[in-house]
Amino acid sequence: KKIYETDPWLEPFRTAIDKRSASIRDCEKKLRRDSE
């Protein structure tokens, strides 16, 4: 479960939290390059 699903006060910030998660994934993929 996402943190906005367990904390209703975070529901209004669902988009911002998802954007944060996507940025982390993209950054990890970029730094990994061809590494596993």
PDB file of all heavy atoms in Angstrom:
ATOM      1  N   LYS A   1       0.830  -1.203   0.000  1.00  0.00           N
ATOM      2  CA  LYS A   1       0.000   0.000   0.000  1.00  0.00           C
ATOM      3  C   LYS A   1       0.866   1.255   0.000  1.00  0.00           C
ATOM      4  O   LYS A   1       1.925   1.301   0.618  1.00  0.00           O
ATOM      5  CB  LYS A   1      -0.914   0.016   1.227  1.00  0.00           C
ATOM      6  CG  LYS A   1      -2.083  -0.951   1.141  1.00  0.00           C
ATOM      7  CD  LYS A   1      -3.068  -0.704   2.273  1.00  0.00           C
ATOM      8  CE  LYS A   1      -4.312  -1.582   2.102  1.00  0.00           C
ATOM      9  NZ  LYS A   1      -5.310  -1.314   3.170  1.00  0.00           N
ATOM     10  N   LYS A   2       0.391   2.277  -0.702  1.00  0.00           N
ATOM     11  CA  LYS A   2       1.076   3.560  -0.736  1.00  0.00           C
ATOM     12  C   LYS A   2       0.802   4.315   0.564  1.00  0.00           C
ATOM     13  O   LYS A   2      -0.202   4.079   1.237  1.00  0.00           O
ATOM     14  CB  LYS A   2       0.607   4.391  -1.924  1.00  0.00           C
ATOM     15  CG  LYS A   2       0.869   3.750  -3.270  1.00  0.00           C
ATOM     16  CD  LYS A   2       2.349   3.732  -3.585  1.00  0.00           C
ATOM     17  CE  LYS A   2       2.600   3.246  -5.001  1.00  0.00           C
ATOM     18  NZ  LYS A   2       4.035   3.260  -5.352  1.00  0.00           N
ATOM     19  N   ILE A   3       1.683   5.236   0.898  1.00  0.00           N
ATOM     20  CA  ILE A   3       1.532   5.957   2.168  1.00  0.00           C
ATOM     21  C   ILE A   3       0.273   6.809   2.179  1.00  0.00           C
ATOM     22  O   ILE A   3      -0.287   7.066   3.253  1.00  0.00           O
ATOM     23  CB  ILE A   3       2.769   6.823   2.476  1.00  0.00           C
ATOM     24  CG1 ILE A   3       3.075   7.796   1.337  1.00  0.00           C
ATOM     25  CG2 ILE A   3       3.982   5.948   2.749  1.00  0.00           C
ATOM     26  CD1 ILE A   3       4.208   8.762   1.643  1.00  0.00           C
ATOM     27  N   TYR A   4      -0.228   7.221   1.016  1.00  0.00           N
ATOM     28  CA  TYR A   4      -1.462   8.011   0.997  1.00  0.00           C
ATOM     29  C   TYR A   4      -2.701   7.137   1.137  1.00  0.00           C
ATOM     30  O   TYR A   4      -3.800   7.637   1.333  1.00  0.00           O
ATOM     31  CB  TYR A   4      -1.548   8.878  -0.259  1.00  0.00           C
ATOM     32  CG  TYR A   4      -1.273   8.184  -1.566  1.00  0.00           C
ATOM     33  CD1 TYR A   4      -2.187   7.264  -2.107  1.00  0.00           C
ATOM     34  CD2 TYR A   4      -0.123   8.456  -2.288  1.00  0.00           C
ATOM     35  CE1 TYR A   4      -1.942   6.626  -3.310  1.00  0.00           C
ATOM     36  CE2 TYR A   4       0.138   7.821  -3.504  1.00  0.00           C
ATOM     37  CZ  TYR A   4      -0.774   6.910  -4.010  1.00  0.00           C
ATOM     38  OH  TYR A   4      -0.526   6.286  -5.201  1.00  0.00           O
ATOM     39  N   GLU A   5      -2.522   5.818   1.044  1.00  0.00           N
ATOM     40  CA  GLU A   5      -3.641   4.906   1.274  1.00  0.00           C
ATOM     41  C   GLU A   5      -3.793   4.565   2.751  1.00  0.00           C
ATOM     42  O   GLU A   5      -4.875   4.156   3.187  1.00  0.00           O
ATOM     43  CB  GLU A   5      -3.439   3.624   0.468  1.00  0.00           C
ATOM     44  CG  GLU A   5      -3.484   3.829  -1.034  1.00  0.00           C
ATOM     45  CD  GLU A   5      -3.200   2.556  -1.807  1.00  0.00           C
ATOM     46  OE1 GLU A   5      -2.191   1.879  -1.513  1.00  0.00           O
ATOM     47  OE2 GLU A   5      -3.995   2.230  -2.706  1.00  0.00           O
ATOM     48  N   THR A   6      -2.723   4.713   3.511  1.00  0.00           N
ATOM     49  CA  THR A   6      -2.781   4.426   4.946  1.00  0.00           C
ATOM     50  C   THR A   6      -2.914   5.694   5.783  1.00  0.00           C
ATOM     51  O   THR A   6      -3.233   5.624   6.966  1.00  0.00           O
ATOM     52  CB  THR A   6      -1.512   3.665   5.385  1.00  0.00           C
ATOM     53  OG1 THR A   6      -0.360   4.422   5.031  1.00  0.00           O
ATOM     54  CG2 THR A   6      -1.445   2.306   4.700  1.00  0.00           C
ATOM     55  N   ASP A   7      -2.655   6.845   5.177  1.00  0.00           N
ATOM     56  CA  ASP A   7      -2.786   8.121   5.877  1.00  0.00           C
ATOM     57  C   ASP A   7      -3.679   9.038   5.050  1.00  0.00           C
ATOM     58  O   ASP A   7      -3.248   9.606   4.046  1.00  0.00           O
ATOM     59  CB  ASP A   7      -1.418   8.768   6.067  1.00  0.00           C
ATOM     60  CG  ASP A   7      -1.481  10.095   6.819  1.00  0.00           C
ATOM     61  OD1 ASP A   7      -2.605  10.568   7.117  1.00  0.00           O
ATOM     62  OD2 ASP A   7      -0.413  10.675   7.106  1.00  0.00           O
ATOM     63  N   PRO A   8      -4.959   9.203   5.445  1.00  0.00           N
ATOM     64  CA  PRO A   8      -5.888  10.023   4.651  1.00  0.00           C
ATOM     65  C   PRO A   8      -5.447  11.470   4.492  1.00  0.00           C
ATOM     66  O   PRO A   8      -5.834  12.138   3.534  1.00  0.00           O
ATOM     67  CB  PRO A   8      -7.201   9.919   5.437  1.00  0.00           C
ATOM     68  CG  PRO A   8      -6.821   9.454   6.804  1.00  0.00           C
ATOM     69  CD  PRO A   8      -5.602   8.633   6.645  1.00  0.00           C
ATOM     70  N   TRP A   9      -4.616  11.973   5.411  1.00  0.00           N
ATOM     71  CA  TRP A   9      -4.139  13.356   5.303  1.00  0.00           C
ATOM     72  C   TRP A   9      -3.207  13.529   4.101  1.00  0.00           C
ATOM     73  O   TRP A   9      -2.964  14.651   3.640  1.00  0.00           O
ATOM     74  CB  TRP A   9      -3.407  13.763   6.575  1.00  0.00           C
ATOM     75  CG  TRP A   9      -4.316  13.980   7.744  1.00  0.00           C
ATOM     76  CD1 TRP A   9      -4.630  13.075   8.713  1.00  0.00           C
ATOM     77  CD2 TRP A   9      -5.045  15.161   8.062  1.00  0.00           C
ATOM     78  NE1 TRP A   9      -5.508  13.618   9.624  1.00  0.00           N
ATOM     79  CE2 TRP A   9      -5.775  14.906   9.247  1.00  0.00           C
ATOM     80  CE3 TRP A   9      -5.158  16.420   7.463  1.00  0.00           C
ATOM     81  CZ2 TRP A   9      -6.608  15.864   9.836  1.00  0.00           C
ATOM     82  CZ3 TRP A   9      -5.974  17.381   8.053  1.00  0.00           C
ATOM     83  CH2 TRP A   9      -6.692  17.096   9.220  1.00  0.00           C
ATOM     84  N   LEU A  10      -2.669  12.423   3.611  1.00  0.00           N
ATOM     85  CA  LEU A  10      -1.770  12.494   2.456  1.00  0.00           C
ATOM     86  C   LEU A  10      -2.485  12.305   1.129  1.00  0.00           C
ATOM     87  O   LEU A  10      -1.888  12.503   0.067  1.00  0.00           O
ATOM     88  CB  LEU A  10      -0.665  11.433   2.586  1.00  0.00           C
ATOM     89  CG  LEU A  10       0.364  11.655   3.690  1.00  0.00           C
ATOM     90  CD1 LEU A  10       1.343  10.490   3.754  1.00  0.00           C
ATOM     91  CD2 LEU A  10       1.115  12.963   3.470  1.00  0.00           C
ATOM     92  N   GLU A  11      -3.764  11.942   1.156  1.00  0.00           N
ATOM     93  CA  GLU A  11      -4.511  11.722  -0.084  1.00  0.00           C
ATOM     94  C   GLU A  11      -4.470  12.929  -1.026  1.00  0.00           C
ATOM     95  O   GLU A  11      -4.288  12.754  -2.245  1.00  0.00           O
ATOM     96  CB  GLU A  11      -5.961  11.346   0.242  1.00  0.00           C
ATOM     97  CG  GLU A  11      -6.850  11.190  -0.972  1.00  0.00           C
ATOM     98  CD  GLU A  11      -6.384  10.103  -1.924  1.00  0.00           C
ATOM     99  OE1 GLU A  11      -5.846   9.080  -1.450  1.00  0.00           O
ATOM    100  OE2 GLU A  11      -6.565  10.276  -3.151  1.00  0.00           O
ATOM    101  N   PRO A  12      -4.589  14.159  -0.530  1.00  0.00           N
ATOM    102  CA  PRO A  12      -4.523  15.309  -1.449  1.00  0.00           C
ATOM    103  C   PRO A  12      -3.181  15.452  -2.163  1.00  0.00           C
ATOM    104  O   PRO A  12      -3.089  16.195  -3.144  1.00  0.00           O
ATOM    105  CB  PRO A  12      -4.769  16.512  -0.516  1.00  0.00           C
ATOM    106  CG  PRO A  12      -5.483  15.954   0.661  1.00  0.00           C
ATOM    107  CD  PRO A  12      -4.925  14.586   0.848  1.00  0.00           C
ATOM    108  N   PHE A  13      -2.177  14.744  -1.674  1.00  0.00           N
ATOM    109  CA  PHE A  13      -0.841  14.869  -2.252  1.00  0.00           C
ATOM    110  C   PHE A  13      -0.434  13.595  -3.006  1.00  0.00           C
ATOM    111  O   PHE A  13       0.748  13.348  -3.242  1.00  0.00           O
ATOM    112  CB  PHE A  13       0.165  15.184  -1.140  1.00  0.00           C
ATOM    113  CG  PHE A  13      -0.228  16.383  -0.310  1.00  0.00           C
ATOM    114  CD1 PHE A  13      -0.818  16.212   0.942  1.00  0.00           C
ATOM    115  CD2 PHE A  13      -0.065  17.665  -0.796  1.00  0.00           C
ATOM    116  CE1 PHE A  13      -1.209  17.306   1.703  1.00  0.00           C
ATOM    117  CE2 PHE A  13      -0.443  18.772  -0.046  1.00  0.00           C
ATOM    118  CZ  PHE A  13      -1.022  18.593   1.200  1.00  0.00           C
ATOM    119  N   ARG A  14      -1.433  12.805  -3.380  1.00  0.00           N
ATOM    120  CA  ARG A  14      -1.203  11.555  -4.110  1.00  0.00           C
ATOM    121  C   ARG A  14      -0.349  11.795  -5.360  1.00  0.00           C
ATOM    122  O   ARG A  14       0.631  11.080  -5.607  1.00  0.00           O
ATOM    123  CB  ARG A  14      -2.546  10.942  -4.497  1.00  0.00           C
ATOM    124  CG  ARG A  14      -2.419   9.745  -5.429  1.00  0.00           C
ATOM    125  CD  ARG A  14      -3.777   9.373  -6.018  1.00  0.00           C
ATOM    126  NE  ARG A  14      -4.630   8.764  -5.010  1.00  0.00           N
ATOM    127  CZ  ARG A  14      -4.874   7.461  -4.913  1.00  0.00           C
ATOM    128  NH1 ARG A  14      -4.295   6.625  -5.775  1.00  0.00           N
ATOM    129  NH2 ARG A  14      -5.669   6.977  -3.994  1.00  0.00           N
ATOM    130  N   THR A  15      -0.700  12.803  -6.139  1.00  0.00           N
ATOM    131  CA  THR A  15       0.024  13.074  -7.381  1.00  0.00           C
ATOM    132  C   THR A  15       1.484  13.422  -7.108  1.00  0.00           C
ATOM    133  O   THR A  15       2.400  12.937  -7.794  1.00  0.00           O
ATOM    134  CB  THR A  15      -0.650  14.224  -8.160  1.00  0.00           C
ATOM    135  OG1 THR A  15      -2.002  13.855  -8.462  1.00  0.00           O
ATOM    136  CG2 THR A  15       0.104  14.518  -9.448  1.00  0.00           C
ATOM    137  N   ALA A  16       1.719  14.248  -6.081  1.00  0.00           N
ATOM    138  CA  ALA A  16       3.086  14.651  -5.742  1.00  0.00           C
ATOM    139  C   ALA A  16       3.905  13.456  -5.259  1.00  0.00           C
ATOM    140  O   ALA A  16       5.090  13.328  -5.598  1.00  0.00           O
ATOM    141  CB  ALA A  16       3.055  15.742  -4.671  1.00  0.00           C
ATOM    142  N   ILE A  17       3.278  12.572  -4.484  1.00  0.00           N
ATOM    143  CA  ILE A  17       3.984  11.395  -3.970  1.00  0.00           C
ATOM    144  C   ILE A  17       4.299  10.430  -5.104  1.00  0.00           C
ATOM    145  O   ILE A  17       5.406   9.874  -5.181  1.00  0.00           O
ATOM    146  CB  ILE A  17       3.160  10.714  -2.861  1.00  0.00           C
ATOM    147  CG1 ILE A  17       3.086  11.636  -1.627  1.00  0.00           C
ATOM    148  CG2 ILE A  17       3.765   9.362  -2.483  1.00  0.00           C
ATOM    149  CD1 ILE A  17       2.100  11.182  -0.569  1.00  0.00           C
ATOM    150  N   ASP A  18       3.348  10.221  -6.015  1.00  0.00           N
ATOM    151  CA  ASP A  18       3.594   9.358  -7.166  1.00  0.00           C
ATOM    152  C   ASP A  18       4.692   9.939  -8.061  1.00  0.00           C
ATOM    153  O   ASP A  18       5.520   9.197  -8.609  1.00  0.00           O
ATOM    154  CB  ASP A  18       2.310   9.155  -7.970  1.00  0.00           C
ATOM    155  CG  ASP A  18       1.328   8.213  -7.288  1.00  0.00           C
ATOM    156  OD1 ASP A  18       1.760   7.469  -6.382  1.00  0.00           O
ATOM    157  OD2 ASP A  18       0.130   8.229  -7.642  1.00  0.00           O
ATOM    158  N   LYS A  19       4.681  11.250  -8.205  1.00  0.00           N
ATOM    159  CA  LYS A  19       5.719  11.908  -9.003  1.00  0.00           C
ATOM    160  C   LYS A  19       7.093  11.712  -8.355  1.00  0.00           C
ATOM    161  O   LYS A  19       8.095  11.482  -9.039  1.00  0.00           O
ATOM    162  CB  LYS A  19       5.400  13.398  -9.139  1.00  0.00           C
ATOM    163  CG  LYS A  19       6.378  14.160 -10.011  1.00  0.00           C
ATOM    164  CD  LYS A  19       5.976  15.625 -10.123  1.00  0.00           C
ATOM    165  CE  LYS A  19       6.993  16.398 -10.967  1.00  0.00           C
ATOM    166  NZ  LYS A  19       6.634  17.839 -11.050  1.00  0.00           N
ATOM    167  N   ARG A  20       7.131  11.799  -7.018  1.00  0.00           N
ATOM    168  CA  ARG A  20       8.376  11.569  -6.284  1.00  0.00           C
ATOM    169  C   ARG A  20       8.884  10.148  -6.522  1.00  0.00           C
ATOM    170  O   ARG A  20      10.072   9.934  -6.781  1.00  0.00           O
ATOM    171  CB  ARG A  20       8.141  11.818  -4.786  1.00  0.00           C
ATOM    172  CG  ARG A  20       9.362  11.623  -3.919  1.00  0.00           C
ATOM    173  CD  ARG A  20       9.100  12.132  -2.505  1.00  0.00           C
ATOM    174  NE  ARG A  20       8.329  11.206  -1.694  1.00  0.00           N
ATOM    175  CZ  ARG A  20       7.926  11.444  -0.440  1.00  0.00           C
ATOM    176  NH1 ARG A  20       8.223  12.609   0.118  1.00  0.00           N
ATOM    177  NH2 ARG A  20       7.245  10.558   0.235  1.00  0.00           N
ATOM    178  N   SER A  21       7.994   9.179  -6.459  1.00  0.00           N
ATOM    179  CA  SER A  21       8.379   7.781  -6.671  1.00  0.00           C
ATOM    180  C   SER A  21       8.897   7.557  -8.091  1.00  0.00           C
ATOM    181  O   SER A  21       9.889   6.844  -8.295  1.00  0.00           O
ATOM    182  CB  SER A  21       7.189   6.857  -6.406  1.00  0.00           C
ATOM    183  OG  SER A  21       6.770   6.940  -5.057  1.00  0.00           O
ATOM    184  N   ALA A  22       8.236   8.176  -9.074  1.00  0.00           N
ATOM    185  CA  ALA A  22       8.659   8.021 -10.465  1.00  0.00           C
ATOM    186  C   ALA A  22      10.036   8.633 -10.685  1.00  0.00           C
ATOM    187  O   ALA A  22      10.872   8.077 -11.413  1.00  0.00           O
ATOM    188  CB  ALA A  22       7.628   8.666 -11.394  1.00  0.00           C
ATOM    189  N   SER A  23      10.281   9.766 -10.043  1.00  0.00           N
ATOM    190  CA  SER A  23      11.582  10.421 -10.167  1.00  0.00           C
ATOM    191  C   SER A  23      12.685   9.538  -9.605  1.00  0.00           C
ATOM    192  O   SER A  23      13.766   9.430 -10.190  1.00  0.00           O
ATOM    193  CB  SER A  23      11.559  11.770  -9.450  1.00  0.00           C
ATOM    194  OG  SER A  23      12.811  12.409  -9.523  1.00  0.00           O
ATOM    195  N   ILE A  24      12.417   8.887  -8.475  1.00  0.00           N
ATOM    196  CA  ILE A  24      13.414   7.988  -7.857  1.00  0.00           C
ATOM    197  C   ILE A  24      13.703   6.811  -8.782  1.00  0.00           C
ATOM    198  O   ILE A  24      14.862   6.443  -9.001  1.00  0.00           O
ATOM    199  CB  ILE A  24      12.913   7.501  -6.483  1.00  0.00           C
ATOM    200  CG1 ILE A  24      12.842   8.674  -5.493  1.00  0.00           C
ATOM    201  CG2 ILE A  24      13.814   6.392  -5.939  1.00  0.00           C
ATOM    202  CD1 ILE A  24      12.064   8.367  -4.229  1.00  0.00           C
ATOM    203  N   ARG A  25      12.656   6.224  -9.359  1.00  0.00           N
ATOM    204  CA  ARG A  25      12.841   5.087 -10.273  1.00  0.00           C
ATOM    205  C   ARG A  25      13.650   5.494 -11.505  1.00  0.00           C
ATOM    206  O   ARG A  25      14.566   4.788 -11.930  1.00  0.00           O
ATOM    207  CB  ARG A  25      11.482   4.530 -10.703  1.00  0.00           C
ATOM    208  CG  ARG A  25      10.732   3.760  -9.638  1.00  0.00           C
ATOM    209  CD  ARG A  25       9.610   2.939 -10.248  1.00  0.00           C
ATOM    210  NE  ARG A  25       8.660   3.775 -10.980  1.00  0.00           N
ATOM    211  CZ  ARG A  25       7.593   4.357 -10.436  1.00  0.00           C
ATOM    212  NH1 ARG A  25       7.337   4.187  -9.135  1.00  0.00           N
ATOM    213  NH2 ARG A  25       6.773   5.082 -11.162  1.00  0.00           N
ATOM    214  N   ASP A  26      13.301   6.652 -12.077  1.00  0.00           N
ATOM    215  CA  ASP A  26      14.014   7.122 -13.269  1.00  0.00           C
ATOM    216  C   ASP A  26      15.480   7.406 -12.959  1.00  0.00           C
ATOM    217  O   ASP A  26      16.368   7.097 -13.765  1.00  0.00           O
ATOM    218  CB  ASP A  26      13.344   8.392 -13.812  1.00  0.00           C
ATOM    219  CG  ASP A  26      11.970   8.119 -14.409  1.00  0.00           C
ATOM    220  OD1 ASP A  26      11.663   6.937 -14.668  1.00  0.00           O
ATOM    221  OD2 ASP A  26      11.197   9.081 -14.593  1.00  0.00           O
ATOM    222  N   CYS A  27      15.721   7.990 -11.793  1.00  0.00           N
ATOM    223  CA  CYS A  27      17.086   8.319 -11.400  1.00  0.00           C
ATOM    224  C   CYS A  27      17.909   7.050 -11.186  1.00  0.00           C
ATOM    225  O   CYS A  27      19.068   6.979 -11.608  1.00  0.00           O
ATOM    226  CB  CYS A  27      17.056   9.168 -10.126  1.00  0.00           C
ATOM    227  SG  CYS A  27      18.625   9.931  -9.718  1.00  0.00           S
ATOM    228  N   GLU A  28      17.312   6.049 -10.556  1.00  0.00           N
ATOM    229  CA  GLU A  28      18.023   4.781 -10.347  1.00  0.00           C
ATOM    230  C   GLU A  28      18.354   4.126 -11.683  1.00  0.00           C
ATOM    231  O   GLU A  28      19.480   3.653 -11.898  1.00  0.00           O
ATOM    232  CB  GLU A  28      17.182   3.824  -9.501  1.00  0.00           C
ATOM    233  CG  GLU A  28      17.887   2.508  -9.235  1.00  0.00           C
ATOM    234  CD  GLU A  28      17.003   1.475  -8.556  1.00  0.00           C
ATOM    235  OE1 GLU A  28      15.784   1.708  -8.433  1.00  0.00           O
ATOM    236  OE2 GLU A  28      17.543   0.418  -8.172  1.00  0.00           O
ATOM    237  N   LYS A  29      17.394   4.114 -12.597  1.00  0.00           N
ATOM    238  CA  LYS A  29      17.616   3.513 -13.908  1.00  0.00           C
ATOM    239  C   LYS A  29      18.735   4.222 -14.652  1.00  0.00           C
ATOM    240  O   LYS A  29      19.593   3.580 -15.283  1.00  0.00           O
ATOM    241  CB  LYS A  29      16.319   3.574 -14.715  1.00  0.00           C
ATOM    242  CG  LYS A  29      16.410   2.903 -16.072  1.00  0.00           C
ATOM    243  CD  LYS A  29      15.078   2.964 -16.800  1.00  0.00           C
ATOM    244  CE  LYS A  29      15.169   2.310 -18.171  1.00  0.00           C
ATOM    245  NZ  LYS A  29      13.866   2.371 -18.899  1.00  0.00           N
ATOM    246  N   LYS A  30      18.764   5.552 -14.553  1.00  0.00           N
ATOM    247  CA  LYS A  30      19.795   6.335 -15.236  1.00  0.00           C
ATOM    248  C   LYS A  30      21.183   6.034 -14.679  1.00  0.00           C
ATOM    249  O   LYS A  30      22.154   5.860 -15.423  1.00  0.00           O
ATOM    250  CB  LYS A  30      19.481   7.822 -15.098  1.00  0.00           C
ATOM    251  CG  LYS A  30      20.464   8.734 -15.810  1.00  0.00           C
ATOM    252  CD  LYS A  30      20.113  10.191 -15.565  1.00  0.00           C
ATOM    253  CE  LYS A  30      21.112  11.119 -16.243  1.00  0.00           C
ATOM    254  NZ  LYS A  30      20.848  12.544 -15.899  1.00  0.00           N
ATOM    255  N   LEU A  31      21.295   5.937 -13.345  1.00  0.00           N
ATOM    256  CA  LEU A  31      22.596   5.699 -12.726  1.00  0.00           C
ATOM    257  C   LEU A  31      23.074   4.259 -12.913  1.00  0.00           C
ATOM    258  O   LEU A  31      24.277   4.006 -12.965  1.00  0.00           O
ATOM    259  CB  LEU A  31      22.543   6.037 -11.236  1.00  0.00           C
ATOM    260  CG  LEU A  31      22.383   7.519 -10.867  1.00  0.00           C
ATOM    261  CD1 LEU A  31      22.393   7.682  -9.359  1.00  0.00           C
ATOM    262  CD2 LEU A  31      23.470   8.374 -11.487  1.00  0.00           C
ATOM    263  N   ARG A  32      22.144   3.341 -13.014  1.00  0.00           N
ATOM    264  CA  ARG A  32      22.533   1.941 -13.203  1.00  0.00           C
ATOM    265  C   ARG A  32      23.171   1.712 -14.561  1.00  0.00           C
ATOM    266  O   ARG A  32      24.010   0.831 -14.723  1.00  0.00           O
ATOM    267  CB  ARG A  32      21.303   1.043 -13.068  1.00  0.00           C
ATOM    268  CG  ARG A  32      20.885   0.764 -11.639  1.00  0.00           C
ATOM    269  CD  ARG A  32      19.578   0.029 -11.572  1.00  0.00           C
ATOM    270  NE  ARG A  32      19.570  -1.200 -12.368  1.00  0.00           N
ATOM    271  CZ  ARG A  32      18.508  -1.990 -12.483  1.00  0.00           C
ATOM    272  NH1 ARG A  32      17.375  -1.665 -11.869  1.00  0.00           N
ATOM    273  NH2 ARG A  32      18.573  -3.083 -13.199  1.00  0.00           N
ATOM    274  N   ARG A  33      22.773   2.499 -15.557  1.00  0.00           N
ATOM    275  CA  ARG A  33      23.278   2.328 -16.920  1.00  0.00           C
ATOM    276  C   ARG A  33      23.084   0.872 -17.357  1.00  0.00           C
ATOM    277  O   ARG A  33      21.969   0.378 -17.419  1.00  0.00           O
ATOM    278  CB  ARG A  33      24.745   2.758 -16.999  1.00  0.00           C
ATOM    279  CG  ARG A  33      24.943   4.252 -16.733  1.00  0.00           C
ATOM    280  CD  ARG A  33      26.410   4.616 -16.716  1.00  0.00           C
ATOM    281  NE  ARG A  33      26.587   6.047 -16.429  1.00  0.00           N
ATOM    282  CZ  ARG A  33      27.733   6.595 -16.086  1.00  0.00           C
ATOM    283  NH1 ARG A  33      28.822   5.849 -15.970  1.00  0.00           N
ATOM    284  NH2 ARG A  33      27.812   7.887 -15.842  1.00  0.00           N
ATOM    285  N   ASP A  34      24.166   0.180 -17.628  1.00  0.00           N
ATOM    286  CA  ASP A  34      24.051  -1.209 -18.079  1.00  0.00           C
ATOM    287  C   ASP A  34      24.244  -2.209 -16.941  1.00  0.00           C
ATOM    288  O   ASP A  34      24.290  -3.420 -17.184  1.00  0.00           O
ATOM    289  CB  ASP A  34      25.091  -1.493 -19.172  1.00  0.00           C
ATOM    290  CG  ASP A  34      24.876  -0.624 -20.405  1.00  0.00           C
ATOM    291  OD1 ASP A  34      23.709  -0.328 -20.711  1.00  0.00           O
ATOM    292  OD2 ASP A  34      25.878  -0.230 -21.037  1.00  0.00           O
ATOM    293  N   SER A  35      24.367  -1.712 -15.728  1.00  0.00           N
ATOM    294  CA  SER A  35      24.591  -2.603 -14.579  1.00  0.00           C
ATOM    295  C   SER A  35      23.284  -3.246 -14.142  1.00  0.00           C
ATOM    296  O   SER A  35      22.197  -2.700 -14.353  1.00  0.00           O
ATOM    297  CB  SER A  35      25.197  -1.813 -13.414  1.00  0.00           C
ATOM    298  OG  SER A  35      26.412  -1.207 -13.792  1.00  0.00           O
ATOM    299  N   GLU A  36      23.403  -4.399 -13.496  1.00  0.00           N
ATOM    300  CA  GLU A  36      22.213  -5.101 -13.029  1.00  0.00           C
ATOM    301  C   GLU A  36      21.588  -4.424 -11.824  1.00  0.00           C
ATOM    302  O   GLU A  36      20.398  -4.534 -11.590  1.00  0.00           O
ATOM    303  CB  GLU A  36      22.558  -6.552 -12.691  1.00  0.00           C
ATOM    304  CG  GLU A  36      22.881  -7.400 -13.907  1.00  0.00           C
ATOM    305  CD  GLU A  36      22.994  -8.873 -13.553  1.00  0.00           C
ATOM    306  OE1 GLU A  36      22.607  -9.241 -12.422  1.00  0.00           O
ATOM    307  OE2 GLU A  36      23.459  -9.646 -14.404  1.00  0.00           O
TER     308      GLU A  36
END
